[in-house]
N, C-alpha and C. Protein backbone atom coordinates (compact mmCIF):
# COMPACT_ATOMS: atom_id res chain seq x y z
N MET A 1 18.05 6.89 33.11
CA MET A 1 17.02 6.15 32.39
C MET A 1 16.77 6.76 31.02
N PHE A 2 16.68 8.09 30.97
CA PHE A 2 16.44 8.76 29.69
C PHE A 2 17.60 8.50 28.73
N MET A 3 18.81 8.53 29.25
CA MET A 3 19.99 8.30 28.41
C MET A 3 19.98 6.88 27.85
N TYR A 4 19.57 5.92 28.66
CA TYR A 4 19.48 4.52 28.21
C TYR A 4 18.49 4.39 27.06
N ILE A 5 17.33 5.03 27.18
CA ILE A 5 16.32 4.97 26.12
C ILE A 5 16.84 5.64 24.85
N LEU A 6 17.49 6.77 24.99
CA LEU A 6 18.04 7.48 23.84
C LEU A 6 19.10 6.64 23.12
N ILE A 7 19.97 6.00 23.88
CA ILE A 7 21.01 5.16 23.28
C ILE A 7 20.39 3.97 22.58
N ARG A 8 19.38 3.34 23.19
CA ARG A 8 18.70 2.20 22.56
C ARG A 8 18.03 2.63 21.25
N TRP A 9 17.43 3.81 21.26
CA TRP A 9 16.75 4.32 20.08
C TRP A 9 17.74 4.55 18.95
N LEU A 10 18.87 5.18 19.25
CA LEU A 10 19.89 5.42 18.23
C LEU A 10 20.53 4.11 17.74
N MET A 11 20.72 3.17 18.64
CA MET A 11 21.25 1.86 18.24
C MET A 11 20.27 1.12 17.34
N SER A 12 18.98 1.25 17.62
CA SER A 12 17.97 0.63 16.76
C SER A 12 17.98 1.26 15.38
N ALA A 13 18.15 2.57 15.32
CA ALA A 13 18.24 3.25 14.02
C ALA A 13 19.47 2.78 13.26
N LEU A 14 20.58 2.64 13.94
CA LEU A 14 21.79 2.14 13.31
C LEU A 14 21.59 0.70 12.82
N MET A 15 20.93 -0.12 13.62
CA MET A 15 20.65 -1.49 13.21
C MET A 15 19.79 -1.52 11.95
N LEU A 16 18.81 -0.63 11.88
CA LEU A 16 17.96 -0.58 10.68
C LEU A 16 18.77 -0.21 9.44
N LEU A 17 19.71 0.71 9.60
CA LEU A 17 20.57 1.08 8.47
C LEU A 17 21.43 -0.11 8.02
N VAL A 18 21.95 -0.86 8.99
CA VAL A 18 22.76 -2.04 8.65
C VAL A 18 21.89 -3.11 7.99
N ILE A 19 20.70 -3.33 8.53
CA ILE A 19 19.80 -4.33 7.97
C ILE A 19 19.41 -3.97 6.54
N ALA A 20 19.21 -2.68 6.28
CA ALA A 20 18.86 -2.24 4.93
C ALA A 20 19.99 -2.53 3.94
N GLU A 21 21.23 -2.53 4.42
CA GLU A 21 22.36 -2.85 3.55
C GLU A 21 22.50 -4.35 3.32
N VAL A 22 22.10 -5.14 4.30
CA VAL A 22 22.31 -6.59 4.25
C VAL A 22 21.17 -7.33 3.58
N VAL A 23 19.94 -6.96 3.89
CA VAL A 23 18.76 -7.69 3.40
C VAL A 23 18.24 -7.04 2.13
N PRO A 24 18.22 -7.79 1.03
CA PRO A 24 17.62 -7.24 -0.19
C PRO A 24 16.12 -7.06 -0.01
N GLY A 25 15.59 -5.96 -0.50
CA GLY A 25 14.17 -5.70 -0.37
C GLY A 25 13.84 -4.71 0.73
N ILE A 26 14.84 -4.31 1.50
CA ILE A 26 14.63 -3.31 2.55
C ILE A 26 15.49 -2.10 2.21
N SER A 27 14.87 -0.93 2.21
CA SER A 27 15.65 0.28 1.94
C SER A 27 15.24 1.39 2.91
N ILE A 28 16.24 2.14 3.32
CA ILE A 28 16.03 3.30 4.19
C ILE A 28 16.78 4.46 3.57
N SER A 29 16.12 5.60 3.47
CA SER A 29 16.71 6.72 2.74
C SER A 29 17.80 7.47 3.51
N GLY A 30 17.88 7.32 4.81
CA GLY A 30 18.92 8.02 5.56
C GLY A 30 18.68 7.93 7.05
N TRP A 31 19.50 8.71 7.78
CA TRP A 31 19.43 8.68 9.24
C TRP A 31 18.08 9.13 9.78
N TYR A 32 17.54 10.17 9.21
CA TYR A 32 16.25 10.68 9.70
C TYR A 32 15.17 9.61 9.56
N ALA A 33 15.09 8.97 8.42
CA ALA A 33 14.09 7.91 8.20
C ALA A 33 14.34 6.73 9.14
N ALA A 34 15.61 6.41 9.39
CA ALA A 34 15.94 5.30 10.29
C ALA A 34 15.52 5.62 11.73
N ILE A 35 15.72 6.86 12.16
CA ILE A 35 15.35 7.25 13.52
C ILE A 35 13.83 7.21 13.69
N ILE A 36 13.10 7.71 12.70
CA ILE A 36 11.64 7.67 12.77
C ILE A 36 11.14 6.23 12.70
N ALA A 37 11.73 5.41 11.84
CA ALA A 37 11.33 4.01 11.73
C ALA A 37 11.61 3.26 13.03
N ALA A 38 12.74 3.53 13.67
CA ALA A 38 13.05 2.89 14.95
C ALA A 38 12.02 3.29 16.01
N LEU A 39 11.62 4.54 16.01
CA LEU A 39 10.61 5.01 16.96
C LEU A 39 9.27 4.31 16.71
N VAL A 40 8.86 4.25 15.46
CA VAL A 40 7.58 3.62 15.13
C VAL A 40 7.61 2.12 15.43
N LEU A 41 8.72 1.46 15.10
CA LEU A 41 8.83 0.03 15.41
C LEU A 41 8.79 -0.20 16.92
N GLY A 42 9.45 0.65 17.67
CA GLY A 42 9.40 0.53 19.13
C GLY A 42 8.00 0.71 19.68
N LEU A 43 7.28 1.69 19.16
CA LEU A 43 5.90 1.91 19.62
C LEU A 43 4.99 0.76 19.22
N LEU A 44 5.14 0.26 18.01
CA LEU A 44 4.34 -0.88 17.58
C LEU A 44 4.63 -2.11 18.44
N ASN A 45 5.90 -2.34 18.73
CA ASN A 45 6.25 -3.49 19.55
C ASN A 45 5.76 -3.34 20.99
N ALA A 46 5.68 -2.12 21.47
CA ALA A 46 5.23 -1.89 22.85
C ALA A 46 3.71 -1.88 22.97
N LEU A 47 3.00 -1.40 21.95
CA LEU A 47 1.56 -1.22 22.06
C LEU A 47 0.73 -2.25 21.31
N VAL A 48 1.12 -2.59 20.10
CA VAL A 48 0.31 -3.47 19.27
C VAL A 48 0.70 -4.94 19.43
N LYS A 49 1.99 -5.20 19.55
CA LYS A 49 2.45 -6.59 19.62
C LYS A 49 1.84 -7.38 20.78
N PRO A 50 1.73 -6.83 22.00
CA PRO A 50 1.10 -7.62 23.07
C PRO A 50 -0.34 -8.02 22.75
N VAL A 51 -1.08 -7.14 22.10
CA VAL A 51 -2.47 -7.46 21.73
C VAL A 51 -2.48 -8.58 20.69
N LEU A 52 -1.60 -8.48 19.70
CA LEU A 52 -1.53 -9.53 18.68
C LEU A 52 -1.10 -10.86 19.27
N LEU A 53 -0.15 -10.83 20.20
CA LEU A 53 0.28 -12.06 20.85
C LEU A 53 -0.87 -12.70 21.63
N PHE A 54 -1.66 -11.88 22.30
CA PHE A 54 -2.80 -12.40 23.04
C PHE A 54 -3.84 -13.02 22.10
N LEU A 55 -4.14 -12.31 21.01
CA LEU A 55 -5.15 -12.80 20.07
C LEU A 55 -4.71 -14.06 19.32
N THR A 56 -3.43 -14.19 19.09
CA THR A 56 -2.93 -15.34 18.33
C THR A 56 -2.30 -16.40 19.22
N PHE A 57 -2.60 -16.35 20.52
CA PHE A 57 -2.01 -17.31 21.44
C PHE A 57 -2.26 -18.77 21.05
N PRO A 58 -3.47 -19.16 20.64
CA PRO A 58 -3.67 -20.57 20.27
C PRO A 58 -2.79 -21.03 19.11
N ILE A 59 -2.68 -20.22 18.06
CA ILE A 59 -1.84 -20.62 16.93
C ILE A 59 -0.36 -20.59 17.31
N THR A 60 0.01 -19.70 18.22
CA THR A 60 1.39 -19.66 18.69
C THR A 60 1.73 -20.94 19.46
N ILE A 61 0.80 -21.41 20.26
CA ILE A 61 1.01 -22.67 21.00
C ILE A 61 1.11 -23.84 20.03
N VAL A 62 0.23 -23.90 19.05
CA VAL A 62 0.24 -25.01 18.08
C VAL A 62 1.54 -25.04 17.29
N THR A 63 2.07 -23.87 16.96
CA THR A 63 3.32 -23.80 16.18
C THR A 63 4.56 -23.76 17.06
N LEU A 64 4.38 -24.02 18.35
CA LEU A 64 5.48 -24.05 19.31
C LEU A 64 6.24 -22.72 19.37
N GLY A 65 5.51 -21.62 19.21
CA GLY A 65 6.09 -20.29 19.33
C GLY A 65 6.63 -19.70 18.04
N LEU A 66 6.64 -20.47 16.97
CA LEU A 66 7.20 -19.96 15.71
C LEU A 66 6.34 -18.88 15.07
N PHE A 67 5.06 -18.82 15.42
CA PHE A 67 4.20 -17.80 14.84
C PHE A 67 4.60 -16.39 15.30
N VAL A 68 5.34 -16.29 16.38
CA VAL A 68 5.82 -14.99 16.85
C VAL A 68 6.71 -14.34 15.79
N PHE A 69 7.47 -15.16 15.05
CA PHE A 69 8.30 -14.62 13.97
C PHE A 69 7.43 -13.99 12.88
N VAL A 70 6.28 -14.60 12.60
CA VAL A 70 5.36 -14.05 11.60
C VAL A 70 4.80 -12.72 12.09
N ILE A 71 4.45 -12.65 13.36
CA ILE A 71 3.93 -11.40 13.93
C ILE A 71 4.99 -10.30 13.84
N ASN A 72 6.24 -10.63 14.19
CA ASN A 72 7.33 -9.65 14.08
C ASN A 72 7.48 -9.16 12.64
N ALA A 73 7.44 -10.08 11.69
CA ALA A 73 7.58 -9.71 10.28
C ALA A 73 6.42 -8.82 9.83
N LEU A 74 5.21 -9.14 10.24
CA LEU A 74 4.06 -8.33 9.84
C LEU A 74 4.12 -6.93 10.44
N LEU A 75 4.58 -6.81 11.67
CA LEU A 75 4.74 -5.48 12.28
C LEU A 75 5.84 -4.68 11.57
N PHE A 76 6.92 -5.35 11.22
CA PHE A 76 8.01 -4.71 10.48
C PHE A 76 7.51 -4.20 9.14
N TRP A 77 6.77 -5.04 8.45
CA TRP A 77 6.21 -4.71 7.14
C TRP A 77 5.17 -3.59 7.28
N PHE A 78 4.34 -3.69 8.32
CA PHE A 78 3.31 -2.67 8.56
C PHE A 78 3.93 -1.30 8.80
N ALA A 79 5.00 -1.26 9.56
CA ALA A 79 5.67 0.02 9.84
C ALA A 79 6.16 0.66 8.55
N SER A 80 6.65 -0.15 7.63
CA SER A 80 7.15 0.42 6.37
C SER A 80 6.02 0.89 5.47
N SER A 81 4.82 0.42 5.70
CA SER A 81 3.72 0.78 4.80
C SER A 81 3.28 2.24 4.95
N PHE A 82 3.54 2.87 6.08
CA PHE A 82 3.10 4.26 6.23
C PHE A 82 4.23 5.23 6.57
N LEU A 83 5.47 4.77 6.43
CA LEU A 83 6.62 5.67 6.66
C LEU A 83 7.31 5.98 5.34
N ASP A 84 7.55 7.26 5.10
CA ASP A 84 8.32 7.66 3.93
C ASP A 84 9.80 7.42 4.21
N GLY A 85 10.49 6.89 3.23
CA GLY A 85 11.91 6.66 3.38
C GLY A 85 12.27 5.30 3.94
N PHE A 86 11.28 4.50 4.33
CA PHE A 86 11.50 3.15 4.84
C PHE A 86 10.60 2.23 4.05
N ALA A 87 11.21 1.34 3.26
CA ALA A 87 10.43 0.47 2.38
C ALA A 87 10.85 -0.98 2.54
N VAL A 88 9.85 -1.84 2.60
CA VAL A 88 10.05 -3.29 2.63
C VAL A 88 9.21 -3.85 1.50
N THR A 89 9.84 -4.58 0.59
CA THR A 89 9.15 -4.99 -0.63
C THR A 89 8.30 -6.24 -0.52
N GLY A 90 8.54 -7.08 0.46
CA GLY A 90 7.74 -8.30 0.56
C GLY A 90 7.83 -8.92 1.93
N PHE A 91 7.07 -10.02 2.09
CA PHE A 91 7.02 -10.67 3.39
C PHE A 91 8.37 -11.22 3.81
N TRP A 92 9.09 -11.86 2.88
CA TRP A 92 10.35 -12.49 3.26
C TRP A 92 11.42 -11.46 3.62
N ALA A 93 11.41 -10.35 2.96
CA ALA A 93 12.33 -9.28 3.35
C ALA A 93 11.97 -8.79 4.76
N ALA A 94 10.68 -8.64 5.02
CA ALA A 94 10.24 -8.23 6.36
C ALA A 94 10.59 -9.30 7.39
N PHE A 95 10.45 -10.56 7.03
CA PHE A 95 10.76 -11.66 7.95
C PHE A 95 12.23 -11.63 8.35
N PHE A 96 13.11 -11.56 7.35
CA PHE A 96 14.54 -11.57 7.66
C PHE A 96 14.99 -10.27 8.33
N GLY A 97 14.39 -9.15 7.94
CA GLY A 97 14.70 -7.88 8.60
C GLY A 97 14.29 -7.90 10.07
N ALA A 98 13.09 -8.40 10.35
CA ALA A 98 12.63 -8.48 11.74
C ALA A 98 13.45 -9.48 12.53
N LEU A 99 13.86 -10.56 11.89
CA LEU A 99 14.69 -11.56 12.56
C LEU A 99 16.05 -10.96 12.95
N LEU A 100 16.67 -10.26 12.02
CA LEU A 100 17.95 -9.61 12.33
C LEU A 100 17.78 -8.53 13.40
N MET A 101 16.70 -7.78 13.31
CA MET A 101 16.44 -6.74 14.31
C MET A 101 16.29 -7.35 15.70
N SER A 102 15.61 -8.48 15.78
CA SER A 102 15.45 -9.17 17.07
C SER A 102 16.77 -9.66 17.61
N VAL A 103 17.59 -10.24 16.74
CA VAL A 103 18.89 -10.75 17.17
C VAL A 103 19.77 -9.61 17.66
N PHE A 104 19.85 -8.53 16.88
CA PHE A 104 20.67 -7.38 17.27
C PHE A 104 20.17 -6.76 18.58
N SER A 105 18.84 -6.65 18.73
CA SER A 105 18.29 -6.07 19.95
C SER A 105 18.60 -6.94 21.16
N SER A 106 18.56 -8.24 20.98
CA SER A 106 18.90 -9.14 22.08
C SER A 106 20.35 -9.01 22.49
N ILE A 107 21.22 -8.89 21.51
CA ILE A 107 22.65 -8.73 21.80
C ILE A 107 22.89 -7.42 22.54
N ILE A 108 22.25 -6.34 22.10
CA ILE A 108 22.42 -5.05 22.77
C ILE A 108 21.84 -5.11 24.18
N SER A 109 20.72 -5.76 24.37
CA SER A 109 20.13 -5.88 25.70
C SER A 109 21.06 -6.66 26.63
N LEU A 110 21.63 -7.73 26.14
CA LEU A 110 22.54 -8.52 26.97
C LEU A 110 23.80 -7.73 27.34
N SER A 111 24.30 -6.96 26.39
CA SER A 111 25.51 -6.21 26.67
C SER A 111 25.27 -5.04 27.62
N THR A 112 24.09 -4.46 27.60
CA THR A 112 23.80 -3.34 28.51
C THR A 112 23.38 -3.82 29.89
N LYS A 113 22.82 -5.01 30.00
CA LYS A 113 22.43 -5.53 31.31
C LYS A 113 23.62 -5.95 32.15
N SER A 114 24.71 -6.32 31.50
CA SER A 114 25.86 -6.78 32.24
C SER A 114 26.63 -5.64 32.90
N LYS A 115 26.33 -4.40 32.54
CA LYS A 115 27.07 -3.26 33.09
C LYS A 115 26.37 -2.64 34.24
């Protein structure tokens, strides 16, 4: 179990480095910043995101679930606001970065569940 968490954490850091190369407006200074950013994003998604989803449930229903993308982008942007070496310049960069992070995480989850 510990090894699985460690591999997921390192894969998330690698994904952040790739996303920083692909999406304009996102920059990461190196591996150390990517590892810390992956940790903070994981903690935010585990602790803060469920509360935000609960509080914004009515608007999420009205938008047929699309508001979840906005929540992901805001958490991505929020994480960059207090981490050195991880910068997101605007909402759209955060939106596309969070979208790519979600897609990559889903692919990794699917590939690890099949084994």
